[in-house]
């Protein structure tokens, strides 16, 4: 059984999609722990409802990124995960953290990378007049939102779309995309290759 640790900062809708896929057998694995940097993240309640152990480590309790990441790494390593999944984890990771899990950590980013790394992607896509937008699942490397792209899902941008409506479309697509990619990694259909 593949062991998955998920890192979140917020609502955890992608976490829910992953938990549901594990329960249904669409992912041949289990979420063994959920870690958040915010105690008020709703995703923690989602995990608790599924009887998944949760941990909160607030970055505000640490003097620098390195010591915070070190503390999170020690929690993750206790579970010896096969895959680390970032699902709306709003922290920029230190190189030491990324390199410790290189090839085992994936992220979902709400844009069709390499377009719009960083924040406010829905607003930026609308302002640019794009006709389509979407999400990218990628392996995490030290440079933000720039690791090898595994798969993307696209949604159309309509004339009446605002950032909120576009967010809803993108998230709906993400809830199918992310569990599928995780299963592809577990099944060996996607393999990390160092560049």
N, C-alpha and C. Protein backbone atom coordinates (compact mmCIF):
# COMPACT_ATOMS: atom_id res chain seq x y z
N UNK A 1 0.85 -1.20 0.00
CA UNK A 1 0.00 0.00 0.00
C UNK A 1 0.88 1.24 0.00
N UNK A 2 0.70 2.08 -0.98
CA UNK A 2 1.51 3.29 -1.09
C UNK A 2 1.12 4.29 -0.01
N UNK A 3 2.14 4.86 0.58
CA UNK A 3 2.00 5.74 1.72
C UNK A 3 2.11 7.20 1.25
N UNK A 4 1.07 7.98 1.47
CA UNK A 4 1.00 9.36 0.98
C UNK A 4 0.89 10.32 2.17
N UNK A 5 1.72 11.35 2.17
CA UNK A 5 1.57 12.44 3.14
C UNK A 5 1.18 13.69 2.36
N UNK A 6 0.15 14.39 2.85
CA UNK A 6 -0.36 15.57 2.16
C UNK A 6 -0.11 16.82 3.01
N UNK A 7 0.38 17.87 2.36
CA UNK A 7 0.61 19.16 3.02
C UNK A 7 -0.42 20.16 2.51
N UNK A 8 -1.07 20.87 3.43
CA UNK A 8 -2.13 21.81 3.07
C UNK A 8 -1.95 23.12 3.85
N UNK A 9 -2.66 24.15 3.38
CA UNK A 9 -2.74 25.40 4.13
C UNK A 9 -4.17 25.89 4.27
N UNK A 10 -5.10 25.27 3.54
CA UNK A 10 -6.44 25.85 3.49
C UNK A 10 -7.58 24.86 3.48
N UNK A 11 -8.49 25.09 2.54
CA UNK A 11 -9.76 24.37 2.48
C UNK A 11 -9.61 22.86 2.29
N UNK A 12 -8.62 22.48 1.49
CA UNK A 12 -8.35 21.05 1.32
C UNK A 12 -9.29 20.33 0.39
N UNK A 13 -9.79 21.03 -0.65
CA UNK A 13 -10.70 20.34 -1.57
C UNK A 13 -9.96 19.28 -2.39
N UNK A 14 -8.71 19.56 -2.77
CA UNK A 14 -7.93 18.52 -3.46
C UNK A 14 -7.59 17.38 -2.52
N UNK A 15 -7.33 17.70 -1.26
CA UNK A 15 -7.12 16.64 -0.26
C UNK A 15 -8.33 15.72 -0.21
N UNK A 16 -9.53 16.32 -0.21
CA UNK A 16 -10.77 15.52 -0.16
C UNK A 16 -10.87 14.62 -1.38
N UNK A 17 -10.53 15.15 -2.54
CA UNK A 17 -10.57 14.34 -3.77
C UNK A 17 -9.61 13.15 -3.67
N UNK A 18 -8.45 13.37 -3.05
CA UNK A 18 -7.46 12.30 -2.90
C UNK A 18 -7.94 11.27 -1.88
N UNK A 19 -8.48 11.74 -0.77
CA UNK A 19 -9.03 10.81 0.24
C UNK A 19 -10.12 9.95 -0.38
N UNK A 20 -11.04 10.60 -1.11
CA UNK A 20 -12.16 9.88 -1.75
C UNK A 20 -11.64 8.84 -2.74
N UNK A 21 -10.62 9.22 -3.52
CA UNK A 21 -10.06 8.29 -4.51
C UNK A 21 -9.38 7.10 -3.84
N UNK A 22 -8.77 7.33 -2.69
CA UNK A 22 -8.16 6.21 -1.93
C UNK A 22 -9.25 5.26 -1.43
N UNK A 23 -10.33 5.83 -0.91
CA UNK A 23 -11.43 5.02 -0.38
C UNK A 23 -12.07 4.19 -1.49
N UNK A 24 -12.23 4.81 -2.68
CA UNK A 24 -12.87 4.12 -3.81
C UNK A 24 -11.95 3.12 -4.48
N UNK A 25 -10.65 3.21 -4.17
CA UNK A 25 -9.70 2.31 -4.82
C UNK A 25 -9.13 2.86 -6.11
N UNK A 26 -9.48 4.13 -6.44
CA UNK A 26 -8.90 4.75 -7.64
C UNK A 26 -7.44 5.10 -7.44
N UNK A 27 -7.06 5.31 -6.18
CA UNK A 27 -5.65 5.45 -5.82
C UNK A 27 -5.29 4.22 -4.98
N UNK A 28 -4.27 3.51 -5.42
CA UNK A 28 -3.82 2.31 -4.72
C UNK A 28 -2.87 2.71 -3.60
N UNK A 29 -3.43 3.43 -2.63
CA UNK A 29 -2.60 3.92 -1.55
C UNK A 29 -3.48 4.51 -0.46
N UNK A 30 -2.83 5.08 0.55
CA UNK A 30 -3.58 5.69 1.64
C UNK A 30 -2.88 6.97 2.08
N UNK A 31 -3.68 7.93 2.52
CA UNK A 31 -3.13 9.14 3.12
C UNK A 31 -2.82 8.80 4.57
N UNK A 32 -1.54 8.80 4.92
CA UNK A 32 -1.16 8.40 6.28
C UNK A 32 -1.08 9.59 7.23
N UNK A 33 -0.95 10.81 6.68
CA UNK A 33 -0.92 12.00 7.54
C UNK A 33 -1.21 13.24 6.70
N UNK A 34 -1.79 14.24 7.37
CA UNK A 34 -2.01 15.55 6.76
C UNK A 34 -1.34 16.57 7.66
N UNK A 35 -0.52 17.41 7.06
CA UNK A 35 0.23 18.43 7.81
C UNK A 35 -0.16 19.80 7.28
N UNK A 36 -0.43 20.73 8.20
CA UNK A 36 -0.78 22.09 7.80
C UNK A 36 0.07 23.09 8.55
N UNK A 37 0.35 24.21 7.89
CA UNK A 37 1.04 25.31 8.57
C UNK A 37 0.04 26.28 9.21
N UNK A 38 -1.25 25.98 9.06
CA UNK A 38 -2.29 26.83 9.64
C UNK A 38 -3.28 25.98 10.44
N UNK A 39 -3.46 26.35 11.69
CA UNK A 39 -4.36 25.58 12.57
C UNK A 39 -5.82 25.70 12.14
N UNK A 40 -6.15 26.78 11.40
CA UNK A 40 -7.55 27.00 11.00
C UNK A 40 -7.86 26.43 9.61
N UNK A 41 -6.94 25.67 9.04
CA UNK A 41 -7.18 25.09 7.71
C UNK A 41 -8.32 24.08 7.78
N UNK A 42 -9.35 24.28 6.97
CA UNK A 42 -10.51 23.38 6.98
C UNK A 42 -10.12 21.96 6.56
N UNK A 43 -9.07 21.85 5.78
CA UNK A 43 -8.60 20.53 5.36
C UNK A 43 -8.26 19.62 6.53
N UNK A 44 -7.88 20.21 7.67
CA UNK A 44 -7.59 19.39 8.86
C UNK A 44 -8.84 18.66 9.32
N UNK A 45 -10.00 19.34 9.25
CA UNK A 45 -11.27 18.69 9.61
C UNK A 45 -11.60 17.57 8.64
N UNK A 46 -11.33 17.79 7.37
CA UNK A 46 -11.57 16.74 6.36
C UNK A 46 -10.76 15.49 6.71
N UNK A 47 -9.50 15.70 7.08
CA UNK A 47 -8.63 14.57 7.43
C UNK A 47 -9.13 13.87 8.68
N UNK A 48 -9.51 14.65 9.69
CA UNK A 48 -9.98 14.06 10.94
C UNK A 48 -11.25 13.24 10.72
N UNK A 49 -12.13 13.71 9.83
CA UNK A 49 -13.35 12.96 9.53
C UNK A 49 -13.04 11.63 8.88
N UNK A 50 -11.88 11.56 8.21
CA UNK A 50 -11.46 10.31 7.56
C UNK A 50 -10.50 9.51 8.45
N UNK A 51 -10.40 9.93 9.74
CA UNK A 51 -9.51 9.25 10.70
C UNK A 51 -8.05 9.23 10.27
N UNK A 52 -7.62 10.33 9.65
CA UNK A 52 -6.23 10.47 9.22
C UNK A 52 -5.51 11.37 10.24
N UNK A 53 -4.36 10.95 10.75
CA UNK A 53 -3.63 11.79 11.70
C UNK A 53 -3.29 13.16 11.10
N UNK A 54 -3.43 14.20 11.92
CA UNK A 54 -3.13 15.56 11.45
C UNK A 54 -2.06 16.18 12.35
N UNK A 55 -1.29 17.08 11.75
CA UNK A 55 -0.25 17.81 12.47
C UNK A 55 -0.30 19.27 12.04
N UNK A 56 -0.14 20.16 12.99
CA UNK A 56 -0.05 21.59 12.67
C UNK A 56 1.30 22.09 13.12
N UNK A 57 2.02 22.71 12.20
CA UNK A 57 3.28 23.39 12.52
C UNK A 57 3.16 24.78 11.94
N UNK A 58 3.06 25.77 12.79
CA UNK A 58 2.93 27.14 12.30
C UNK A 58 4.29 27.74 12.00
N UNK A 59 4.43 28.26 10.79
CA UNK A 59 5.70 28.88 10.40
C UNK A 59 6.01 30.10 11.27
N UNK A 60 4.98 30.68 11.90
CA UNK A 60 5.20 31.87 12.73
C UNK A 60 5.93 31.53 14.04
N UNK A 61 6.00 30.24 14.37
CA UNK A 61 6.71 29.82 15.58
C UNK A 61 8.22 29.65 15.36
N UNK A 62 8.67 29.89 14.14
CA UNK A 62 10.08 29.64 13.80
C UNK A 62 10.73 30.93 13.31
N UNK A 63 12.01 31.04 13.59
CA UNK A 63 12.73 32.28 13.24
C UNK A 63 13.10 32.35 11.77
N UNK A 64 13.20 31.20 11.12
CA UNK A 64 13.54 31.22 9.69
C UNK A 64 12.94 30.01 8.98
N UNK A 65 12.97 30.07 7.66
CA UNK A 65 12.39 29.01 6.83
C UNK A 65 13.07 27.67 7.05
N UNK A 66 14.39 27.72 7.21
CA UNK A 66 15.15 26.46 7.34
C UNK A 66 14.69 25.68 8.57
N UNK A 67 14.56 26.36 9.71
CA UNK A 67 14.18 25.63 10.94
C UNK A 67 12.74 25.16 10.86
N UNK A 68 11.87 25.96 10.22
CA UNK A 68 10.48 25.52 10.03
C UNK A 68 10.43 24.27 9.14
N UNK A 69 11.11 24.34 8.00
CA UNK A 69 11.10 23.19 7.09
C UNK A 69 11.69 21.94 7.75
N UNK A 70 12.73 22.14 8.57
CA UNK A 70 13.34 21.02 9.29
C UNK A 70 12.31 20.35 10.19
N UNK A 71 11.51 21.15 10.89
CA UNK A 71 10.50 20.61 11.80
C UNK A 71 9.42 19.85 11.03
N UNK A 72 9.02 20.37 9.86
CA UNK A 72 8.02 19.68 9.03
C UNK A 72 8.61 18.38 8.48
N UNK A 73 9.86 18.43 8.06
CA UNK A 73 10.52 17.23 7.53
C UNK A 73 10.56 16.12 8.57
N UNK A 74 10.78 16.48 9.83
CA UNK A 74 10.87 15.43 10.85
C UNK A 74 9.52 14.75 11.05
N UNK A 75 8.42 15.50 10.89
CA UNK A 75 7.08 14.88 10.96
C UNK A 75 6.87 13.97 9.75
N UNK A 76 7.16 14.50 8.57
CA UNK A 76 6.97 13.71 7.33
C UNK A 76 7.76 12.40 7.41
N UNK A 77 9.02 12.49 7.82
CA UNK A 77 9.89 11.32 7.81
C UNK A 77 9.45 10.23 8.79
N UNK A 78 8.72 10.64 9.83
CA UNK A 78 8.16 9.64 10.76
C UNK A 78 7.20 8.69 10.04
N UNK A 79 6.57 9.18 8.98
CA UNK A 79 5.59 8.35 8.24
C UNK A 79 6.20 7.60 7.07
N UNK A 80 7.46 7.90 6.75
CA UNK A 80 8.17 7.25 5.64
C UNK A 80 7.30 7.17 4.38
N UNK A 81 6.83 8.31 3.89
CA UNK A 81 5.93 8.29 2.73
C UNK A 81 6.64 7.93 1.42
N UNK A 82 5.86 7.34 0.52
CA UNK A 82 6.35 7.08 -0.84
C UNK A 82 6.18 8.34 -1.69
N UNK A 83 5.13 9.11 -1.39
CA UNK A 83 4.83 10.33 -2.15
C UNK A 83 4.45 11.43 -1.16
N UNK A 84 4.96 12.64 -1.41
CA UNK A 84 4.52 13.82 -0.65
C UNK A 84 3.73 14.68 -1.63
N UNK A 85 2.50 15.00 -1.24
CA UNK A 85 1.58 15.74 -2.11
C UNK A 85 1.33 17.12 -1.51
N UNK A 86 1.62 18.15 -2.29
CA UNK A 86 1.30 19.52 -1.88
C UNK A 86 -0.07 19.86 -2.46
N UNK A 87 -1.02 20.13 -1.59
CA UNK A 87 -2.39 20.40 -2.02
C UNK A 87 -2.83 21.74 -1.42
N UNK A 88 -2.44 22.82 -2.12
CA UNK A 88 -2.75 24.15 -1.59
C UNK A 88 -1.89 24.49 -0.39
N UNK A 89 -0.63 24.06 -0.43
CA UNK A 89 0.31 24.36 0.65
C UNK A 89 1.00 25.68 0.29
N UNK A 90 0.67 26.73 1.03
CA UNK A 90 1.09 28.08 0.63
C UNK A 90 2.39 28.50 1.30
N UNK A 91 3.39 27.67 1.17
CA UNK A 91 4.72 28.02 1.68
C UNK A 91 5.74 27.80 0.56
N UNK A 92 6.66 28.73 0.43
CA UNK A 92 7.77 28.52 -0.50
C UNK A 92 8.79 27.67 0.24
N UNK A 93 9.15 26.55 -0.36
CA UNK A 93 9.98 25.55 0.31
C UNK A 93 11.47 25.86 0.13
N UNK A 94 12.24 25.56 1.16
CA UNK A 94 13.70 25.74 1.06
C UNK A 94 14.28 24.65 0.13
N UNK A 95 15.44 24.97 -0.43
CA UNK A 95 16.10 24.00 -1.31
C UNK A 95 16.39 22.70 -0.57
N UNK A 96 16.77 22.81 0.71
CA UNK A 96 17.07 21.61 1.49
C UNK A 96 15.87 20.69 1.61
N UNK A 97 14.70 21.29 1.81
CA UNK A 97 13.45 20.52 1.92
C UNK A 97 13.15 19.84 0.59
N UNK A 98 13.21 20.62 -0.49
CA UNK A 98 12.89 20.07 -1.82
C UNK A 98 13.86 18.96 -2.19
N UNK A 99 15.13 19.18 -1.97
CA UNK A 99 16.12 18.17 -2.37
C UNK A 99 16.02 16.90 -1.55
N UNK A 100 15.56 17.02 -0.31
CA UNK A 100 15.37 15.85 0.56
C UNK A 100 14.31 14.90 -0.03
N UNK A 101 13.32 15.48 -0.72
CA UNK A 101 12.22 14.67 -1.28
C UNK A 101 12.21 14.69 -2.81
N UNK A 102 13.29 15.08 -3.43
CA UNK A 102 13.32 15.25 -4.88
C UNK A 102 12.88 13.96 -5.59
N UNK A 103 11.93 14.12 -6.49
CA UNK A 103 11.40 12.98 -7.22
C UNK A 103 10.25 12.28 -6.53
N UNK A 104 9.97 12.68 -5.28
CA UNK A 104 8.87 12.06 -4.52
C UNK A 104 7.78 13.07 -4.16
N UNK A 105 7.98 14.33 -4.52
CA UNK A 105 7.05 15.38 -4.11
C UNK A 105 6.42 16.02 -5.34
N UNK A 106 5.07 16.11 -5.30
CA UNK A 106 4.33 16.72 -6.40
C UNK A 106 3.47 17.88 -5.89
N UNK A 107 3.18 18.79 -6.81
CA UNK A 107 2.36 19.96 -6.50
C UNK A 107 1.36 20.15 -7.61
N UNK A 108 0.22 20.75 -7.27
CA UNK A 108 -0.74 21.15 -8.29
C UNK A 108 -0.80 22.66 -8.28
N UNK A 109 -0.65 23.25 -9.47
CA UNK A 109 -0.62 24.71 -9.59
C UNK A 109 -1.75 25.16 -10.52
N UNK A 110 -2.51 26.17 -10.10
CA UNK A 110 -3.69 26.57 -10.88
C UNK A 110 -3.37 27.47 -12.07
N UNK A 111 -2.57 26.95 -12.98
CA UNK A 111 -2.38 27.59 -14.28
C UNK A 111 -1.77 26.55 -15.21
N UNK A 112 -1.76 26.89 -16.49
CA UNK A 112 -1.13 26.01 -17.47
C UNK A 112 0.35 26.43 -17.55
N UNK A 113 1.12 25.91 -16.61
CA UNK A 113 2.55 26.26 -16.57
C UNK A 113 3.18 25.96 -17.93
N UNK A 114 4.17 26.72 -18.37
CA UNK A 114 4.91 27.73 -17.61
C UNK A 114 4.21 29.09 -17.47
N UNK A 115 2.97 29.20 -17.95
CA UNK A 115 2.25 30.46 -17.75
C UNK A 115 1.90 30.65 -16.28
N UNK A 116 2.01 31.85 -15.80
CA UNK A 116 1.50 32.29 -14.49
C UNK A 116 1.97 31.46 -13.29
N UNK A 117 3.28 31.38 -13.08
CA UNK A 117 3.71 30.84 -11.79
C UNK A 117 3.30 31.82 -10.69
N UNK A 118 3.33 31.36 -9.44
CA UNK A 118 3.01 32.27 -8.34
C UNK A 118 1.51 32.40 -8.11
N UNK A 119 1.10 33.57 -7.65
CA UNK A 119 -0.27 33.78 -7.16
C UNK A 119 -1.17 34.47 -8.19
N UNK A 120 -2.47 34.53 -7.84
CA UNK A 120 -3.49 35.27 -8.62
C UNK A 120 -3.56 34.83 -10.08
N UNK A 121 -3.46 33.53 -10.29
CA UNK A 121 -3.38 33.01 -11.66
C UNK A 121 -4.68 33.23 -12.44
N UNK A 122 -5.84 33.11 -11.77
CA UNK A 122 -7.12 33.23 -12.49
C UNK A 122 -7.30 34.66 -12.99
N UNK A 123 -7.01 35.61 -12.12
CA UNK A 123 -7.08 37.04 -12.49
C UNK A 123 -6.14 37.34 -13.65
N UNK A 124 -4.94 36.81 -13.57
CA UNK A 124 -3.93 37.09 -14.59
C UNK A 124 -4.34 36.50 -15.94
N UNK A 125 -4.94 35.31 -15.93
CA UNK A 125 -5.37 34.69 -17.19
C UNK A 125 -6.49 35.50 -17.84
N UNK A 126 -7.43 35.98 -17.03
CA UNK A 126 -8.54 36.79 -17.55
C UNK A 126 -8.00 38.11 -18.10
N UNK A 127 -7.14 38.76 -17.32
CA UNK A 127 -6.59 40.05 -17.75
C UNK A 127 -5.78 39.94 -19.04
N UNK A 128 -5.16 38.78 -19.24
CA UNK A 128 -4.35 38.57 -20.45
C UNK A 128 -5.22 38.26 -21.67
N UNK A 129 -6.53 38.05 -21.43
CA UNK A 129 -7.43 37.73 -22.54
C UNK A 129 -7.29 36.29 -23.02
N UNK A 130 -6.79 35.41 -22.17
CA UNK A 130 -6.62 33.99 -22.56
C UNK A 130 -7.98 33.34 -22.81
N UNK A 131 -7.99 32.39 -23.73
CA UNK A 131 -9.23 31.65 -24.01
C UNK A 131 -9.31 30.37 -23.19
N UNK A 132 -8.17 29.95 -22.65
CA UNK A 132 -8.19 28.77 -21.79
C UNK A 132 -7.22 28.93 -20.63
N UNK A 133 -7.49 28.14 -19.61
CA UNK A 133 -6.76 28.22 -18.35
C UNK A 133 -6.79 26.79 -17.79
N UNK A 134 -6.22 26.57 -16.65
CA UNK A 134 -6.29 25.21 -16.12
C UNK A 134 -5.33 24.99 -14.98
N UNK A 135 -4.90 23.74 -14.84
CA UNK A 135 -4.02 23.34 -13.75
C UNK A 135 -2.90 22.47 -14.28
N UNK A 136 -1.80 22.50 -13.54
CA UNK A 136 -0.65 21.67 -13.88
C UNK A 136 -0.22 20.90 -12.64
N UNK A 137 -0.01 19.60 -12.80
CA UNK A 137 0.62 18.82 -11.74
C UNK A 137 2.08 18.63 -12.15
N UNK A 138 2.98 18.96 -11.24
CA UNK A 138 4.40 18.87 -11.57
C UNK A 138 5.20 18.34 -10.38
N UNK A 139 6.33 17.74 -10.72
CA UNK A 139 7.28 17.38 -9.67
C UNK A 139 7.85 18.68 -9.09
N UNK A 140 8.12 18.67 -7.79
CA UNK A 140 8.63 19.88 -7.14
C UNK A 140 10.15 19.90 -7.20
N UNK A 141 10.67 21.01 -7.70
CA UNK A 141 12.11 21.26 -7.74
C UNK A 141 12.37 22.58 -7.01
N UNK A 142 13.63 22.90 -6.73
CA UNK A 142 13.88 24.11 -5.94
C UNK A 142 13.33 25.41 -6.53
N UNK A 143 13.24 25.51 -7.86
CA UNK A 143 12.71 26.74 -8.44
C UNK A 143 11.18 26.70 -8.45
N UNK A 144 10.55 27.74 -7.93
CA UNK A 144 9.10 27.77 -7.72
C UNK A 144 8.31 27.48 -8.99
N UNK A 145 7.38 26.53 -8.89
CA UNK A 145 6.43 26.22 -9.97
C UNK A 145 7.11 25.91 -11.30
N UNK A 146 8.30 25.33 -11.26
CA UNK A 146 8.99 25.11 -12.53
C UNK A 146 9.52 23.68 -12.69
N UNK A 147 9.12 22.77 -11.82
CA UNK A 147 9.57 21.38 -11.97
C UNK A 147 8.91 20.72 -13.17
N UNK A 148 9.40 19.53 -13.56
CA UNK A 148 8.84 18.84 -14.74
C UNK A 148 7.33 18.65 -14.62
N UNK A 149 6.62 19.08 -15.67
CA UNK A 149 5.15 18.97 -15.69
C UNK A 149 4.77 17.53 -16.01
N UNK A 150 3.87 16.98 -15.20
CA UNK A 150 3.41 15.61 -15.40
C UNK A 150 2.17 15.60 -16.29
N UNK A 151 1.21 16.41 -15.93
CA UNK A 151 -0.03 16.46 -16.71
C UNK A 151 -0.76 17.77 -16.42
N UNK A 152 -1.58 18.20 -17.39
CA UNK A 152 -2.37 19.42 -17.22
C UNK A 152 -3.83 19.14 -17.56
N UNK A 153 -4.72 19.93 -16.96
CA UNK A 153 -6.12 19.90 -17.39
C UNK A 153 -6.49 21.31 -17.79
N UNK A 154 -7.27 21.41 -18.87
CA UNK A 154 -7.62 22.73 -19.41
C UNK A 154 -9.11 22.99 -19.24
N UNK A 155 -9.43 24.25 -18.99
CA UNK A 155 -10.83 24.70 -18.98
C UNK A 155 -10.90 25.94 -19.85
N UNK A 156 -12.08 26.19 -20.42
CA UNK A 156 -12.24 27.38 -21.27
C UNK A 156 -12.55 28.59 -20.40
N UNK A 157 -12.11 29.75 -20.87
CA UNK A 157 -12.47 31.01 -20.22
C UNK A 157 -13.55 31.65 -21.06
N UNK A 158 -14.70 31.87 -20.46
CA UNK A 158 -15.83 32.49 -21.16
C UNK A 158 -15.85 33.99 -20.88
N UNK A 159 -16.58 34.72 -21.72
CA UNK A 159 -16.65 36.18 -21.61
C UNK A 159 -17.14 36.63 -20.24
N UNK A 160 -18.03 35.84 -19.63
CA UNK A 160 -18.62 36.26 -18.34
C UNK A 160 -17.82 35.76 -17.13
N UNK A 161 -16.71 35.05 -17.37
CA UNK A 161 -15.95 34.51 -16.23
C UNK A 161 -15.29 35.63 -15.42
N UNK A 162 -15.31 35.43 -14.10
CA UNK A 162 -14.56 36.28 -13.18
C UNK A 162 -13.57 35.35 -12.47
N UNK A 163 -12.63 35.89 -11.68
CA UNK A 163 -11.68 34.98 -11.01
C UNK A 163 -12.36 33.88 -10.19
N UNK A 164 -13.48 34.20 -9.54
CA UNK A 164 -14.16 33.19 -8.71
C UNK A 164 -14.77 32.07 -9.54
N UNK A 165 -15.42 32.44 -10.65
CA UNK A 165 -16.04 31.40 -11.49
C UNK A 165 -14.97 30.54 -12.16
N UNK A 166 -13.87 31.18 -12.52
CA UNK A 166 -12.78 30.44 -13.14
C UNK A 166 -12.13 29.50 -12.12
N UNK A 167 -11.97 29.98 -10.90
CA UNK A 167 -11.46 29.13 -9.81
C UNK A 167 -12.32 27.88 -9.66
N UNK A 168 -13.63 28.05 -9.67
CA UNK A 168 -14.54 26.91 -9.50
C UNK A 168 -14.35 25.89 -10.62
N UNK A 169 -14.22 26.37 -11.85
CA UNK A 169 -14.01 25.47 -12.99
C UNK A 169 -12.69 24.72 -12.87
N UNK A 170 -11.64 25.46 -12.51
CA UNK A 170 -10.31 24.87 -12.41
C UNK A 170 -10.29 23.82 -11.29
N UNK A 171 -10.89 24.16 -10.15
CA UNK A 171 -10.88 23.20 -9.03
C UNK A 171 -11.63 21.92 -9.39
N UNK A 172 -12.75 22.06 -10.08
CA UNK A 172 -13.51 20.87 -10.47
C UNK A 172 -12.63 19.95 -11.32
N UNK A 173 -11.90 20.53 -12.25
CA UNK A 173 -10.99 19.74 -13.10
C UNK A 173 -9.85 19.14 -12.28
N UNK A 174 -9.36 19.92 -11.30
CA UNK A 174 -8.25 19.45 -10.46
C UNK A 174 -8.64 18.19 -9.68
N UNK A 175 -9.89 18.12 -9.26
CA UNK A 175 -10.32 17.00 -8.41
C UNK A 175 -10.32 15.67 -9.16
N UNK A 176 -10.31 15.74 -10.49
CA UNK A 176 -10.13 14.55 -11.31
C UNK A 176 -8.65 14.34 -11.64
N UNK A 177 -7.99 15.44 -11.99
CA UNK A 177 -6.60 15.38 -12.45
C UNK A 177 -5.64 14.88 -11.37
N UNK A 178 -5.72 15.44 -10.17
CA UNK A 178 -4.70 15.15 -9.15
C UNK A 178 -4.73 13.68 -8.72
N UNK A 179 -5.90 13.11 -8.39
CA UNK A 179 -5.89 11.68 -8.04
C UNK A 179 -5.38 10.80 -9.18
N UNK A 180 -5.71 11.17 -10.43
CA UNK A 180 -5.26 10.37 -11.58
C UNK A 180 -3.74 10.37 -11.67
N UNK A 181 -3.13 11.55 -11.51
CA UNK A 181 -1.67 11.63 -11.61
C UNK A 181 -1.01 10.87 -10.46
N UNK A 182 -1.57 10.98 -9.26
CA UNK A 182 -1.00 10.24 -8.12
C UNK A 182 -1.04 8.74 -8.40
N UNK A 183 -2.14 8.26 -8.94
CA UNK A 183 -2.22 6.84 -9.28
C UNK A 183 -1.24 6.47 -10.40
N UNK A 184 -1.06 7.37 -11.37
CA UNK A 184 -0.09 7.11 -12.45
C UNK A 184 1.32 6.96 -11.88
N UNK A 185 1.64 7.76 -10.87
CA UNK A 185 2.97 7.65 -10.23
C UNK A 185 3.08 6.32 -9.49
N UNK A 186 2.04 5.99 -8.73
CA UNK A 186 2.04 4.73 -7.96
C UNK A 186 2.18 3.53 -8.89
N UNK A 187 1.49 3.59 -10.04
CA UNK A 187 1.49 2.47 -10.99
C UNK A 187 2.76 2.43 -11.84
N UNK A 188 3.61 3.44 -11.69
CA UNK A 188 4.85 3.45 -12.46
C UNK A 188 4.70 3.99 -13.86
N UNK A 189 3.53 4.57 -14.17
CA UNK A 189 3.33 5.16 -15.50
C UNK A 189 4.01 6.52 -15.61
N UNK A 190 4.28 7.14 -14.46
CA UNK A 190 5.03 8.40 -14.42
C UNK A 190 6.23 8.16 -13.52
N UNK A 191 7.40 8.49 -14.04
CA UNK A 191 8.64 8.24 -13.30
C UNK A 191 9.47 9.52 -13.29
N UNK A 192 9.97 9.84 -12.13
CA UNK A 192 10.86 11.00 -12.01
C UNK A 192 12.18 10.74 -12.71
N UNK A 193 12.61 11.68 -13.52
CA UNK A 193 13.94 11.59 -14.13
C UNK A 193 14.68 12.87 -13.83
N UNK A 194 15.82 12.73 -13.21
CA UNK A 194 16.64 13.91 -12.92
C UNK A 194 17.10 14.50 -14.25
N UNK A 195 17.05 15.82 -14.31
CA UNK A 195 17.40 16.48 -15.58
C UNK A 195 18.91 16.54 -15.73
